[in-house]
Amino acid sequence: MIARTQNNGRTITGICIGISDARRYFPRRTKTIDLELDHLRIRCDLKASFWRDCPEISDPRLSAWLEAKFFGQKLPASPVPVEMVKAGDAYKLHLLPAQHLAKTPGFGLIA
């Protein structure tokens, strides 16, 4: 599944799953999601808005990990694609080249 980074203009705040992927891959009763970030495994709470109109995963540890991937560089203004690969009961995250996002149905690059 392909997600994309979310930011508030200054920092990366989390990742946006997309409404169709949220409904497809996460049962409605799901309250948390486990993410594998390189060697770190974290559990993130899913907010009620995840199921309505904002399928975003936000966590300070996730934000720090994403920003560390751009260490010494300016954070991108456009969303960066993030691959989420199911690994047991967790999802491994990997950043993808930006051109991959433009080819993903349901995700257009947002300036």
PDB file of N, CA and C in Angstrom:
ATOM      1  N   MET A   1       0.854  -1.157   0.000  1.00  0.00           N
ATOM      2  CA  MET A   1       0.000   0.000   0.000  1.00  0.00           C
ATOM      3  C   MET A   1       0.905   1.226   0.000  1.00  0.00           C
ATOM      4  N   ILE A   2       0.482   2.254  -0.704  1.00  0.00           N
ATOM      5  CA  ILE A   2       1.247   3.492  -0.784  1.00  0.00           C
ATOM      6  C   ILE A   2       0.502   4.587  -0.017  1.00  0.00           C
ATOM      7  N   ALA A   3       1.191   5.185   0.932  1.00  0.00           N
ATOM      8  CA  ALA A   3       0.673   6.326   1.681  1.00  0.00           C
ATOM      9  C   ALA A   3       1.509   7.539   1.271  1.00  0.00           C
ATOM     10  N   ARG A   4       1.271   8.688   1.902  1.00  0.00           N
ATOM     11  CA  ARG A   4       2.088   9.867   1.618  1.00  0.00           C
ATOM     12  C   ARG A   4       2.283  10.666   2.889  1.00  0.00           C
ATOM     13  N   THR A   5       3.387  11.387   2.940  1.00  0.00           N
ATOM     14  CA  THR A   5       3.649  12.191   4.126  1.00  0.00           C
ATOM     15  C   THR A   5       2.669  13.351   4.195  1.00  0.00           C
ATOM     16  N   GLN A   6       2.404  13.790   5.419  1.00  0.00           N
ATOM     17  CA  GLN A   6       1.597  14.971   5.694  1.00  0.00           C
ATOM     18  C   GLN A   6       2.516  15.975   6.386  1.00  0.00           C
ATOM     19  N   ASN A   7       2.343  17.247   6.103  1.00  0.00           N
ATOM     20  CA  ASN A   7       3.122  18.248   6.826  1.00  0.00           C
ATOM     21  C   ASN A   7       2.279  19.481   7.096  1.00  0.00           C
ATOM     22  N   ASN A   8       2.781  20.307   8.012  1.00  0.00           N
ATOM     23  CA  ASN A   8       2.070  21.536   8.355  1.00  0.00           C
ATOM     24  C   ASN A   8       2.805  22.767   7.840  1.00  0.00           C
ATOM     25  N   GLY A   9       3.730  22.562   6.916  1.00  0.00           N
ATOM     26  CA  GLY A   9       4.506  23.665   6.364  1.00  0.00           C
ATOM     27  C   GLY A   9       5.904  23.758   6.927  1.00  0.00           C
ATOM     28  N   ARG A  10       6.074  23.313   8.168  1.00  0.00           N
ATOM     29  CA  ARG A  10       7.393  23.362   8.809  1.00  0.00           C
ATOM     30  C   ARG A  10       7.927  21.985   9.188  1.00  0.00           C
ATOM     31  N   THR A  11       7.017  21.087   9.550  1.00  0.00           N
ATOM     32  CA  THR A  11       7.417  19.754   9.980  1.00  0.00           C
ATOM     33  C   THR A  11       6.504  18.698   9.363  1.00  0.00           C
ATOM     34  N   ILE A  12       7.016  17.491   9.307  1.00  0.00           N
ATOM     35  CA  ILE A  12       6.195  16.365   8.860  1.00  0.00           C
ATOM     36  C   ILE A  12       5.379  15.911  10.062  1.00  0.00           C
ATOM     37  N   THR A  13       4.070  15.814   9.885  1.00  0.00           N
ATOM     38  CA  THR A  13       3.186  15.496  10.997  1.00  0.00           C
ATOM     39  C   THR A  13       2.760  14.032  11.028  1.00  0.00           C
ATOM     40  N   GLY A  14       2.937  13.309   9.935  1.00  0.00           N
ATOM     41  CA  GLY A  14       2.535  11.905   9.889  1.00  0.00           C
ATOM     42  C   GLY A  14       2.393  11.442   8.452  1.00  0.00           C
ATOM     43  N   ILE A  15       1.573  10.402   8.266  1.00  0.00           N
ATOM     44  CA  ILE A  15       1.320   9.891   6.920  1.00  0.00           C
ATOM     45  C   ILE A  15      -0.183   9.768   6.698  1.00  0.00           C
ATOM     46  N   CYS A  16      -0.589  10.027   5.471  1.00  0.00           N
ATOM     47  CA  CYS A  16      -1.985   9.901   5.044  1.00  0.00           C
ATOM     48  C   CYS A  16      -2.119   8.591   4.284  1.00  0.00           C
ATOM     49  N   ILE A  17      -3.048   7.759   4.713  1.00  0.00           N
ATOM     50  CA  ILE A  17      -3.243   6.451   4.104  1.00  0.00           C
ATOM     51  C   ILE A  17      -4.087   6.544   2.833  1.00  0.00           C
ATOM     52  N   GLY A  18      -5.083   7.373   2.843  1.00  0.00           N
ATOM     53  CA  GLY A  18      -6.060   7.411   1.750  1.00  0.00           C
ATOM     54  C   GLY A  18      -7.310   6.680   2.214  1.00  0.00           C
ATOM     55  N   ILE A  19      -8.461   7.241   1.920  1.00  0.00           N
ATOM     56  CA  ILE A  19      -9.723   6.692   2.424  1.00  0.00           C
ATOM     57  C   ILE A  19      -9.971   5.272   1.933  1.00  0.00           C
ATOM     58  N   SER A  20      -9.743   5.011   0.651  1.00  0.00           N
ATOM     59  CA  SER A  20     -10.018   3.660   0.137  1.00  0.00           C
ATOM     60  C   SER A  20      -9.085   2.619   0.750  1.00  0.00           C
ATOM     61  N   ASP A  21      -7.810   2.945   0.936  1.00  0.00           N
ATOM     62  CA  ASP A  21      -6.884   1.999   1.563  1.00  0.00           C
ATOM     63  C   ASP A  21      -7.196   1.808   3.042  1.00  0.00           C
ATOM     64  N   ALA A  22      -7.612   2.864   3.720  1.00  0.00           N
ATOM     65  CA  ALA A  22      -7.991   2.737   5.133  1.00  0.00           C
ATOM     66  C   ALA A  22      -9.139   1.746   5.272  1.00  0.00           C
ATOM     67  N   ARG A  23     -10.117   1.854   4.410  1.00  0.00           N
ATOM     68  CA  ARG A  23     -11.275   0.949   4.473  1.00  0.00           C
ATOM     69  C   ARG A  23     -10.910  -0.468   4.032  1.00  0.00           C
ATOM     70  N   ARG A  24      -9.987  -0.582   3.083  1.00  0.00           N
ATOM     71  CA  ARG A  24      -9.599  -1.883   2.544  1.00  0.00           C
ATOM     72  C   ARG A  24      -8.709  -2.669   3.508  1.00  0.00           C
ATOM     73  N   TYR A  25      -7.749  -2.009   4.134  1.00  0.00           N
ATOM     74  CA  TYR A  25      -6.729  -2.722   4.899  1.00  0.00           C
ATOM     75  C   TYR A  25      -6.903  -2.701   6.416  1.00  0.00           C
ATOM     76  N   PHE A  26      -7.782  -1.844   6.933  1.00  0.00           N
ATOM     77  CA  PHE A  26      -7.922  -1.722   8.374  1.00  0.00           C
ATOM     78  C   PHE A  26      -9.369  -1.960   8.782  1.00  0.00           C
ATOM     79  N   PRO A  27      -9.624  -3.038   9.511  1.00  0.00           N
ATOM     80  CA  PRO A  27     -10.987  -3.263  10.001  1.00  0.00           C
ATOM     81  C   PRO A  27     -11.439  -2.086  10.879  1.00  0.00           C
ATOM     82  N   ARG A  28     -12.683  -1.766  10.815  1.00  0.00           N
ATOM     83  CA  ARG A  28     -13.224  -0.598  11.524  1.00  0.00           C
ATOM     84  C   ARG A  28     -12.957  -0.648  13.032  1.00  0.00           C
ATOM     85  N   ARG A  29     -12.844  -1.818  13.594  1.00  0.00           N
ATOM     86  CA  ARG A  29     -12.610  -1.941  15.040  1.00  0.00           C
ATOM     87  C   ARG A  29     -11.151  -1.686  15.423  1.00  0.00           C
ATOM     88  N   THR A  30     -10.265  -1.507  14.449  1.00  0.00           N
ATOM     89  CA  THR A  30      -8.850  -1.291  14.719  1.00  0.00           C
ATOM     90  C   THR A  30      -8.655   0.036  15.465  1.00  0.00           C
ATOM     91  N   LYS A  31      -7.983  -0.024  16.587  1.00  0.00           N
ATOM     92  CA  LYS A  31      -7.729   1.174  17.405  1.00  0.00           C
ATOM     93  C   LYS A  31      -6.275   1.622  17.315  1.00  0.00           C
ATOM     94  N   THR A  32      -5.370   0.676  17.007  1.00  0.00           N
ATOM     95  CA  THR A  32      -3.944   0.990  16.922  1.00  0.00           C
ATOM     96  C   THR A  32      -3.334   0.302  15.710  1.00  0.00           C
ATOM     97  N   ILE A  33      -2.164   0.777  15.324  1.00  0.00           N
ATOM     98  CA  ILE A  33      -1.414   0.160  14.242  1.00  0.00           C
ATOM     99  C   ILE A  33       0.050   0.114  14.668  1.00  0.00           C
ATOM    100  N   ASP A  34       0.695  -1.010  14.402  1.00  0.00           N
ATOM    101  CA  ASP A  34       2.119  -1.153  14.691  1.00  0.00           C
ATOM    102  C   ASP A  34       2.908  -0.855  13.425  1.00  0.00           C
ATOM    103  N   LEU A  35       3.923  -0.020  13.561  1.00  0.00           N
ATOM    104  CA  LEU A  35       4.784   0.357  12.442  1.00  0.00           C
ATOM    105  C   LEU A  35       6.220  -0.034  12.751  1.00  0.00           C
ATOM    106  N   GLU A  36       6.913  -0.558  11.745  1.00  0.00           N
ATOM    107  CA  GLU A  36       8.339  -0.845  11.859  1.00  0.00           C
ATOM    108  C   GLU A  36       9.083   0.224  11.076  1.00  0.00           C
ATOM    109  N   LEU A  37       9.877   0.998  11.795  1.00  0.00           N
ATOM    110  CA  LEU A  37      10.645   2.105  11.221  1.00  0.00           C
ATOM    111  C   LEU A  37      12.119   1.730  11.340  1.00  0.00           C
ATOM    112  N   ASP A  38      12.669   1.130  10.302  1.00  0.00           N
ATOM    113  CA  ASP A  38      14.024   0.576  10.343  1.00  0.00           C
ATOM    114  C   ASP A  38      14.075  -0.446  11.480  1.00  0.00           C
ATOM    115  N   HIS A  39      14.833  -0.194  12.524  1.00  0.00           N
ATOM    116  CA  HIS A  39      14.969  -1.145  13.629  1.00  0.00           C
ATOM    117  C   HIS A  39      14.002  -0.874  14.786  1.00  0.00           C
ATOM    118  N   LEU A  40      13.204   0.172  14.670  1.00  0.00           N
ATOM    119  CA  LEU A  40      12.294   0.585  15.732  1.00  0.00           C
ATOM    120  C   LEU A  40      10.872   0.137  15.420  1.00  0.00           C
ATOM    121  N   ARG A  41      10.174  -0.384  16.423  1.00  0.00           N
ATOM    122  CA  ARG A  41       8.763  -0.743  16.265  1.00  0.00           C
ATOM    123  C   ARG A  41       7.950   0.127  17.215  1.00  0.00           C
ATOM    124  N   ILE A  42       6.938   0.791  16.657  1.00  0.00           N
ATOM    125  CA  ILE A  42       6.089   1.661  17.475  1.00  0.00           C
ATOM    126  C   ILE A  42       4.624   1.292  17.277  1.00  0.00           C
ATOM    127  N   ARG A  43       3.817   1.613  18.264  1.00  0.00           N
ATOM    128  CA  ARG A  43       2.366   1.427  18.176  1.00  0.00           C
ATOM    129  C   ARG A  43       1.733   2.807  18.181  1.00  0.00           C
ATOM    130  N   CYS A  44       0.893   3.067  17.174  1.00  0.00           N
ATOM    131  CA  CYS A  44       0.245   4.372  17.027  1.00  0.00           C
ATOM    132  C   CYS A  44      -1.262   4.213  17.197  1.00  0.00           C
ATOM    133  N   ASP A  45      -1.866   5.139  17.924  1.00  0.00           N
ATOM    134  CA  ASP A  45      -3.320   5.167  18.067  1.00  0.00           C
ATOM    135  C   ASP A  45      -3.934   5.751  16.808  1.00  0.00           C
ATOM    136  N   LEU A  46      -5.076   5.210  16.405  1.00  0.00           N
ATOM    137  CA  LEU A  46      -5.826   5.760  15.275  1.00  0.00           C
ATOM    138  C   LEU A  46      -6.943   6.630  15.833  1.00  0.00           C
ATOM    139  N   LYS A  47      -6.972   7.881  15.412  1.00  0.00           N
ATOM    140  CA  LYS A  47      -8.005   8.811  15.884  1.00  0.00           C
ATOM    141  C   LYS A  47      -9.348   8.470  15.239  1.00  0.00           C
ATOM    142  N   ALA A  48     -10.425   8.923  15.848  1.00  0.00           N
ATOM    143  CA  ALA A  48     -11.775   8.689  15.303  1.00  0.00           C
ATOM    144  C   ALA A  48     -11.891   9.251  13.890  1.00  0.00           C
ATOM    145  N   SER A  49     -11.204  10.355  13.603  1.00  0.00           N
ATOM    146  CA  SER A  49     -11.272  10.966  12.267  1.00  0.00           C
ATOM    147  C   SER A  49     -10.651  10.068  11.195  1.00  0.00           C
ATOM    148  N   PHE A  50      -9.833   9.099  11.598  1.00  0.00           N
ATOM    149  CA  PHE A  50      -9.244   8.148  10.652  1.00  0.00           C
ATOM    150  C   PHE A  50     -10.342   7.449   9.861  1.00  0.00           C
ATOM    151  N   TRP A  51     -11.453   7.165  10.510  1.00  0.00           N
ATOM    152  CA  TRP A  51     -12.543   6.421   9.876  1.00  0.00           C
ATOM    153  C   TRP A  51     -13.538   7.324   9.159  1.00  0.00           C
ATOM    154  N   ARG A  52     -13.511   8.611   9.433  1.00  0.00           N
ATOM    155  CA  ARG A  52     -14.463   9.511   8.791  1.00  0.00           C
ATOM    156  C   ARG A  52     -13.893  10.113   7.517  1.00  0.00           C
ATOM    157  N   ASP A  53     -12.931  11.000   7.670  1.00  0.00           N
ATOM    158  CA  ASP A  53     -12.487  11.761   6.503  1.00  0.00           C
ATOM    159  C   ASP A  53     -10.997  12.058   6.490  1.00  0.00           C
ATOM    160  N   CYS A  54     -10.278  11.603   7.514  1.00  0.00           N
ATOM    161  CA  CYS A  54      -8.862  11.956   7.602  1.00  0.00           C
ATOM    162  C   CYS A  54      -8.038  10.739   8.028  1.00  0.00           C
ATOM    163  N   PRO A  55      -7.834   9.785   7.118  1.00  0.00           N
ATOM    164  CA  PRO A  55      -7.089   8.584   7.476  1.00  0.00           C
ATOM    165  C   PRO A  55      -5.586   8.867   7.585  1.00  0.00           C
ATOM    166  N   GLU A  56      -5.213   9.546   8.658  1.00  0.00           N
ATOM    167  CA  GLU A  56      -3.825   9.933   8.893  1.00  0.00           C
ATOM    168  C   GLU A  56      -3.314   9.248  10.151  1.00  0.00           C
ATOM    169  N   ILE A  57      -2.061   8.818  10.101  1.00  0.00           N
ATOM    170  CA  ILE A  57      -1.386   8.268  11.275  1.00  0.00           C
ATOM    171  C   ILE A  57      -0.394   9.322  11.731  1.00  0.00           C
ATOM    172  N   SER A  58      -0.587   9.799  12.959  1.00  0.00           N
ATOM    173  CA  SER A  58       0.288  10.830  13.524  1.00  0.00           C
ATOM    174  C   SER A  58       0.892  10.308  14.816  1.00  0.00           C
ATOM    175  N   ASP A  59       2.175  10.529  14.971  1.00  0.00           N
ATOM    176  CA  ASP A  59       2.876  10.133  16.191  1.00  0.00           C
ATOM    177  C   ASP A  59       4.206  10.871  16.184  1.00  0.00           C
ATOM    178  N   PRO A  60       4.630  11.421  17.301  1.00  0.00           N
ATOM    179  CA  PRO A  60       5.908  12.152  17.326  1.00  0.00           C
ATOM    180  C   PRO A  60       7.097  11.295  16.883  1.00  0.00           C
ATOM    181  N   ARG A  61       7.078  10.000  17.211  1.00  0.00           N
ATOM    182  CA  ARG A  61       8.185   9.118  16.808  1.00  0.00           C
ATOM    183  C   ARG A  61       8.186   8.885  15.303  1.00  0.00           C
ATOM    184  N   LEU A  62       7.005   8.751  14.715  1.00  0.00           N
ATOM    185  CA  LEU A  62       6.896   8.604  13.269  1.00  0.00           C
ATOM    186  C   LEU A  62       7.373   9.873  12.583  1.00  0.00           C
ATOM    187  N   SER A  63       6.947  11.028  13.071  1.00  0.00           N
ATOM    188  CA  SER A  63       7.371  12.312  12.499  1.00  0.00           C
ATOM    189  C   SER A  63       8.885  12.469  12.569  1.00  0.00           C
ATOM    190  N   ALA A  64       9.469  12.128  13.714  1.00  0.00           N
ATOM    191  CA  ALA A  64      10.920  12.236  13.876  1.00  0.00           C
ATOM    192  C   ALA A  64      11.649  11.310  12.913  1.00  0.00           C
ATOM    193  N   TRP A  65      11.139  10.097  12.735  1.00  0.00           N
ATOM    194  CA  TRP A  65      11.760   9.137  11.809  1.00  0.00           C
ATOM    195  C   TRP A  65      11.696   9.662  10.374  1.00  0.00           C
ATOM    196  N   LEU A  66      10.527  10.168   9.969  1.00  0.00           N
ATOM    197  CA  LEU A  66      10.381  10.691   8.614  1.00  0.00           C
ATOM    198  C   LEU A  66      11.306  11.886   8.387  1.00  0.00           C
ATOM    199  N   GLU A  67      11.362  12.803   9.343  1.00  0.00           N
ATOM    200  CA  GLU A  67      12.224  13.973   9.189  1.00  0.00           C
ATOM    201  C   GLU A  67      13.697  13.590   9.177  1.00  0.00           C
ATOM    202  N   ALA A  68      14.066  12.551   9.913  1.00  0.00           N
ATOM    203  CA  ALA A  68      15.459  12.094   9.922  1.00  0.00           C
ATOM    204  C   ALA A  68      15.889  11.587   8.547  1.00  0.00           C
ATOM    205  N   LYS A  69      14.939  11.113   7.770  1.00  0.00           N
ATOM    206  CA  LYS A  69      15.258  10.643   6.410  1.00  0.00           C
ATOM    207  C   LYS A  69      15.716  11.793   5.511  1.00  0.00           C
ATOM    208  N   PHE A  70      15.423  13.021   5.918  1.00  0.00           N
ATOM    209  CA  PHE A  70      15.822  14.210   5.150  1.00  0.00           C
ATOM    210  C   PHE A  70      16.878  15.014   5.892  1.00  0.00           C
ATOM    211  N   PHE A  71      17.605  14.380   6.798  1.00  0.00           N
ATOM    212  CA  PHE A  71      18.598  15.053   7.631  1.00  0.00           C
ATOM    213  C   PHE A  71      19.552  15.882   6.774  1.00  0.00           C
ATOM    214  N   GLY A  72      19.687  17.147   7.124  1.00  0.00           N
ATOM    215  CA  GLY A  72      20.595  18.034   6.405  1.00  0.00           C
ATOM    216  C   GLY A  72      20.022  18.585   5.115  1.00  0.00           C
ATOM    217  N   GLN A  73      18.784  18.237   4.799  1.00  0.00           N
ATOM    218  CA  GLN A  73      18.137  18.718   3.584  1.00  0.00           C
ATOM    219  C   GLN A  73      16.878  19.493   3.976  1.00  0.00           C
ATOM    220  N   LYS A  74      16.441  20.322   3.074  1.00  0.00           N
ATOM    221  CA  LYS A  74      15.168  21.010   3.276  1.00  0.00           C
ATOM    222  C   LYS A  74      14.059  19.974   3.119  1.00  0.00           C
ATOM    223  N   LEU A  75      13.060  20.031   4.005  1.00  0.00           N
ATOM    224  CA  LEU A  75      11.939  19.104   3.885  1.00  0.00           C
ATOM    225  C   LEU A  75      11.173  19.392   2.606  1.00  0.00           C
ATOM    226  N   PRO A  76      10.752  18.358   1.895  1.00  0.00           N
ATOM    227  CA  PRO A  76      10.025  18.574   0.645  1.00  0.00           C
ATOM    228  C   PRO A  76       8.677  19.250   0.884  1.00  0.00           C
ATOM    229  N   ALA A  77       8.315  20.158  -0.021  1.00  0.00           N
ATOM    230  CA  ALA A  77       7.028  20.848   0.072  1.00  0.00           C
ATOM    231  C   ALA A  77       5.887  19.933  -0.362  1.00  0.00           C
ATOM    232  N   SER A  78       6.171  19.019  -1.280  1.00  0.00           N
ATOM    233  CA  SER A  78       5.171  18.078  -1.775  1.00  0.00           C
ATOM    234  C   SER A  78       5.196  16.802  -0.942  1.00  0.00           C
ATOM    235  N   PRO A  79       4.064  16.093  -0.884  1.00  0.00           N
ATOM    236  CA  PRO A  79       4.044  14.825  -0.160  1.00  0.00           C
ATOM    237  C   PRO A  79       5.054  13.841  -0.740  1.00  0.00           C
ATOM    238  N   VAL A  80       5.631  13.049   0.133  1.00  0.00           N
ATOM    239  CA  VAL A  80       6.586  12.020  -0.275  1.00  0.00           C
ATOM    240  C   VAL A  80       5.891  10.669  -0.123  1.00  0.00           C
ATOM    241  N   PRO A  81       5.974   9.800  -1.125  1.00  0.00           N
ATOM    242  CA  PRO A  81       5.319   8.494  -1.010  1.00  0.00           C
ATOM    243  C   PRO A  81       6.035   7.599  -0.007  1.00  0.00           C
ATOM    244  N   VAL A  82       5.236   6.870   0.736  1.00  0.00           N
ATOM    245  CA  VAL A  82       5.722   5.944   1.743  1.00  0.00           C
ATOM    246  C   VAL A  82       5.066   4.592   1.472  1.00  0.00           C
ATOM    247  N   GLU A  83       5.884   3.584   1.253  1.00  0.00           N
ATOM    248  CA  GLU A  83       5.358   2.236   1.051  1.00  0.00           C
ATOM    249  C   GLU A  83       5.137   1.594   2.417  1.00  0.00           C
ATOM    250  N   MET A  84       3.966   1.000   2.585  1.00  0.00           N
ATOM    251  CA  MET A  84       3.642   0.284   3.816  1.00  0.00           C
ATOM    252  C   MET A  84       3.491  -1.188   3.457  1.00  0.00           C
ATOM    253  N   VAL A  85       4.418  -2.016   3.937  1.00  0.00           N
ATOM    254  CA  VAL A  85       4.428  -3.438   3.612  1.00  0.00           C
ATOM    255  C   VAL A  85       4.027  -4.225   4.855  1.00  0.00           C
ATOM    256  N   LYS A  86       2.996  -5.051   4.730  1.00  0.00           N
ATOM    257  CA  LYS A  86       2.533  -5.869   5.852  1.00  0.00           C
ATOM    258  C   LYS A  86       3.635  -6.842   6.243  1.00  0.00           C
ATOM    259  N   ALA A  87       3.977  -6.861   7.526  1.00  0.00           N
ATOM    260  CA  ALA A  87       5.009  -7.757   8.061  1.00  0.00           C
ATOM    261  C   ALA A  87       4.469  -8.358   9.356  1.00  0.00           C
ATOM    262  N   GLY A  88       3.782  -9.466   9.244  1.00  0.00           N
ATOM    263  CA  GLY A  88       3.141 -10.056  10.419  1.00  0.00           C
ATOM    264  C   GLY A  88       1.992  -9.190  10.871  1.00  0.00           C
ATOM    265  N   ASP A  89       2.064  -8.707  12.103  1.00  0.00           N
ATOM    266  CA  ASP A  89       0.997  -7.852  12.629  1.00  0.00           C
ATOM    267  C   ASP A  89       1.385  -6.371  12.606  1.00  0.00           C
ATOM    268  N   ALA A  90       2.391  -6.036  11.808  1.00  0.00           N
ATOM    269  CA  ALA A  90       2.860  -4.646  11.704  1.00  0.00           C
ATOM    270  C   ALA A  90       3.021  -4.275  10.228  1.00  0.00           C
ATOM    271  N   TYR A  91       3.350  -3.019  10.000  1.00  0.00           N
ATOM    272  CA  TYR A  91       3.664  -2.525   8.658  1.00  0.00           C
ATOM    273  C   TYR A  91       5.056  -1.938   8.675  1.00  0.00           C
ATOM    274  N   LYS A  92       5.903  -2.386   7.732  1.00  0.00           N
ATOM    275  CA  LYS A  92       7.228  -1.793   7.557  1.00  0.00           C
ATOM    276  C   LYS A  92       7.077  -0.593   6.637  1.00  0.00           C
ATOM    277  N   LEU A  93       7.725   0.509   6.980  1.00  0.00           N
ATOM    278  CA  LEU A  93       7.655   1.720   6.172  1.00  0.00           C
ATOM    279  C   LEU A  93       8.949   1.938   5.408  1.00  0.00           C
ATOM    280  N   HIS A  94       8.814   2.353   4.140  1.00  0.00           N
ATOM    281  CA  HIS A  94       9.942   2.673   3.273  1.00  0.00           C
ATOM    282  C   HIS A  94       9.575   3.903   2.460  1.00  0.00           C
ATOM    283  N   LEU A  95      10.473   4.882   2.397  1.00  0.00           N
ATOM    284  CA  LEU A  95      10.248   6.039   1.526  1.00  0.00           C
ATOM    285  C   LEU A  95      10.479   5.623   0.086  1.00  0.00           C
ATOM    286  N   LEU A  96       9.685   6.170  -0.812  1.00  0.00           N
ATOM    287  CA  LEU A  96       9.804   5.892  -2.240  1.00  0.00           C
ATOM    288  C   LEU A  96      10.181   7.169  -2.981  1.00  0.00           C
ATOM    289  N   PRO A  97      10.730   7.036  -4.189  1.00  0.00           N
ATOM    290  CA  PRO A  97      11.003   8.244  -4.992  1.00  0.00           C
ATOM    291  C   PRO A  97       9.706   8.995  -5.265  1.00  0.00           C
ATOM    292  N   ALA A  98       9.773  10.324  -5.311  1.00  0.00           N
ATOM    293  CA  ALA A  98       8.588  11.175  -5.483  1.00  0.00           C
ATOM    294  C   ALA A  98       7.806  10.863  -6.754  1.00  0.00           C
ATOM    295  N   GLN A  99       8.480  10.439  -7.830  1.00  0.00           N
ATOM    296  CA  GLN A  99       7.762  10.184  -9.074  1.00  0.00           C
ATOM    297  C   GLN A  99       6.792   9.014  -8.930  1.00  0.00           C
ATOM    298  N   HIS A 100       6.985   8.137  -7.951  1.00  0.00           N
ATOM    299  CA  HIS A 100       6.085   7.009  -7.732  1.00  0.00           C
ATOM    300  C   HIS A 100       4.713   7.490  -7.293  1.00  0.00           C
ATOM    301  N   LEU A 101       4.640   8.546  -6.510  1.00  0.00           N
ATOM    302  CA  LEU A 101       3.384   9.066  -6.007  1.00  0.00           C
ATOM    303  C   LEU A 101       2.505   9.571  -7.140  1.00  0.00           C
ATOM    304  N   ALA A 102       3.095  10.211  -8.121  1.00  0.00           N
ATOM    305  CA  ALA A 102       2.323  10.753  -9.231  1.00  0.00           C
ATOM    306  C   ALA A 102       1.638   9.661 -10.038  1.00  0.00           C
ATOM    307  N   LYS A 103       2.170   8.438 -10.003  1.00  0.00           N
ATOM    308  CA  LYS A 103       1.610   7.318 -10.754  1.00  0.00           C
ATOM    309  C   LYS A 103       0.619   6.494  -9.939  1.00  0.00           C
ATOM    310  N   THR A 104       0.428   6.849  -8.667  1.00  0.00           N
ATOM    311  CA  THR A 104      -0.434   6.082  -7.786  1.00  0.00           C
ATOM    312  C   THR A 104      -1.853   6.617  -7.867  1.00  0.00           C
ATOM    313  N   PRO A 105      -2.837   5.760  -8.230  1.00  0.00           N
ATOM    314  CA  PRO A 105      -4.226   6.214  -8.292  1.00  0.00           C
ATOM    315  C   PRO A 105      -4.672   6.768  -6.951  1.00  0.00           C
ATOM    316  N   GLY A 106      -5.365   7.906  -6.990  1.00  0.00           N
ATOM    317  CA  GLY A 106      -5.888   8.518  -5.784  1.00  0.00           C
ATOM    318  C   GLY A 106      -4.943   9.475  -5.100  1.00  0.00           C
ATOM    319  N   PHE A 107      -3.703   9.531  -5.566  1.00  0.00           N
ATOM    320  CA  PHE A 107      -2.732  10.459  -4.974  1.00  0.00           C
ATOM    321  C   PHE A 107      -2.147  11.328  -6.065  1.00  0.00           C
ATOM    322  N   GLY A 108      -2.444  12.597  -6.008  1.00  0.00           N
ATOM    323  CA  GLY A 108      -1.789  13.549  -6.892  1.00  0.00           C
ATOM    324  C   GLY A 108      -0.811  14.360  -6.084  1.00  0.00           C
ATOM    325  N   LEU A 109       0.210  14.842  -6.687  1.00  0.00           N
ATOM    326  CA  LEU A 109       1.157  15.672  -5.947  1.00  0.00           C
ATOM    327  C   LEU A 109       0.488  16.984  -5.595  1.00  0.00           C
ATOM    328  N   ILE A 110       0.619  17.364  -4.355  1.00  0.00           N
ATOM    329  CA  ILE A 110       0.017  18.606  -3.864  1.00  0.00           C
ATOM    330  C   ILE A 110       1.137  19.574  -3.528  1.00  0.00           C
ATOM    331  N   ALA A 111       1.083  20.761  -4.059  1.00  0.00           N
ATOM    332  CA  ALA A 111       2.128  21.757  -3.778  1.00  0.00           C
ATOM    333  C   ALA A 111       1.821  22.488  -2.501  1.00  0.00           C
TER     334      ALA A 111
END
